[in-house]
């Protein structure tokens, strides 16, 4: 996934602060959690997006972090099917 896609999953825009990302994640997690009537898939997408957006990074390796994590998750997902 791209950063833009992760921001869309969390329903936030570019330039959002880490604190705002965390607050939005908590709000959406309550809504999408399977124990609260949400789907497991939606909650997993939300959690994955939050994890990638929360990853400690500097601007020099942002795309590298997304490439590495996306590749790892893609290969993991392919193994499950």
Protein backbone atom coordinates (compact mmCIF):
# COMPACT_ATOMS: atom_id res chain seq x y z
CA UNK A 1 0.00 0.00 0.00
CA UNK A 2 1.03 3.57 -0.49
CA UNK A 3 1.09 6.30 2.13
CA UNK A 4 -1.86 7.97 0.37
CA UNK A 5 -3.86 4.74 0.54
CA UNK A 6 -3.05 4.33 4.24
CA UNK A 7 -4.15 7.90 4.91
CA UNK A 8 -7.41 7.18 3.09
CA UNK A 9 -8.02 4.05 5.19
CA UNK A 10 -7.62 6.20 8.31
CA UNK A 11 -9.78 8.92 6.75
CA UNK A 12 -7.13 11.62 7.22
CA UNK A 13 -5.18 13.82 4.82
CA UNK A 14 -1.49 14.48 4.24
CA UNK A 15 0.06 16.72 6.88
CA UNK A 16 -1.84 15.12 9.75
CA UNK A 17 0.06 14.92 13.03
CA UNK A 18 1.02 11.63 14.70
CA UNK A 19 -1.34 12.51 17.53
CA UNK A 20 -4.24 13.00 15.10
CA UNK A 21 -3.41 9.71 13.38
CA UNK A 22 -3.53 7.93 16.75
CA UNK A 23 -6.83 9.56 17.72
CA UNK A 24 -8.44 8.70 14.39
CA UNK A 25 -7.15 5.12 14.61
CA UNK A 26 -8.69 4.69 18.06
CA UNK A 27 -12.03 6.06 16.86
CA UNK A 28 -12.11 3.84 13.78
CA UNK A 29 -10.84 0.81 15.70
CA UNK A 30 -13.82 1.04 18.03
CA UNK A 31 -16.13 1.21 15.01
CA UNK A 32 -14.47 -1.56 12.97
CA UNK A 33 -13.46 -4.02 15.69
CA UNK A 34 -14.99 -7.47 15.09
CA UNK A 35 -16.17 -7.66 18.71
CA UNK A 36 -18.16 -4.46 18.12
CA UNK A 37 -19.83 -5.68 14.92
CA UNK A 38 -17.14 -4.68 12.43
CA UNK A 39 -15.49 -6.99 9.95
CA UNK A 40 -12.19 -8.70 10.63
CA UNK A 41 -10.90 -7.62 7.21
CA UNK A 42 -11.73 -3.92 7.74
CA UNK A 43 -10.11 -3.97 11.17
CA UNK A 44 -6.98 -5.64 9.76
CA UNK A 45 -6.70 -3.05 6.96
CA UNK A 46 -7.07 -0.29 9.54
CA UNK A 47 -4.47 -1.82 11.86
CA UNK A 48 -2.00 -2.38 9.02
CA UNK A 49 -2.39 1.20 7.78
CA UNK A 50 -1.91 2.58 11.28
CA UNK A 51 1.19 0.45 11.80
CA UNK A 52 2.77 1.69 8.58
CA UNK A 53 1.90 5.33 9.29
CA UNK A 54 3.22 5.05 12.83
CA UNK A 55 6.51 3.49 11.75
CA UNK A 56 9.43 5.64 12.96
CA UNK A 57 10.99 7.17 9.90
CA UNK A 58 12.73 10.17 8.48
CA UNK A 59 11.95 11.69 5.10
CA UNK A 60 14.96 10.08 3.44
CA UNK A 61 13.64 6.53 3.69
CA UNK A 62 9.84 6.87 3.68
CA UNK A 63 9.37 5.05 0.39
CA UNK A 64 11.85 2.40 1.49
CA UNK A 65 9.77 1.64 4.60
CA UNK A 66 6.59 1.37 2.52
CA UNK A 67 8.26 -0.82 -0.09
CA UNK A 68 9.73 -3.17 2.54
CA UNK A 69 6.53 -3.48 4.57
CA UNK A 70 4.26 -3.82 1.54
CA UNK A 71 6.46 -6.53 0.06
CA UNK A 72 6.52 -8.47 3.30
CA UNK A 73 2.74 -8.20 3.75
CA UNK A 74 2.04 -9.09 0.12
CA UNK A 75 4.10 -12.26 0.34
CA UNK A 76 2.49 -13.14 3.67
CA UNK A 77 -1.00 -12.65 2.22
CA UNK A 78 -0.18 -14.80 -0.79
CA UNK A 79 0.92 -17.65 1.48
CA UNK A 80 -2.39 -17.59 3.36
CA UNK A 81 -4.51 -18.15 0.26
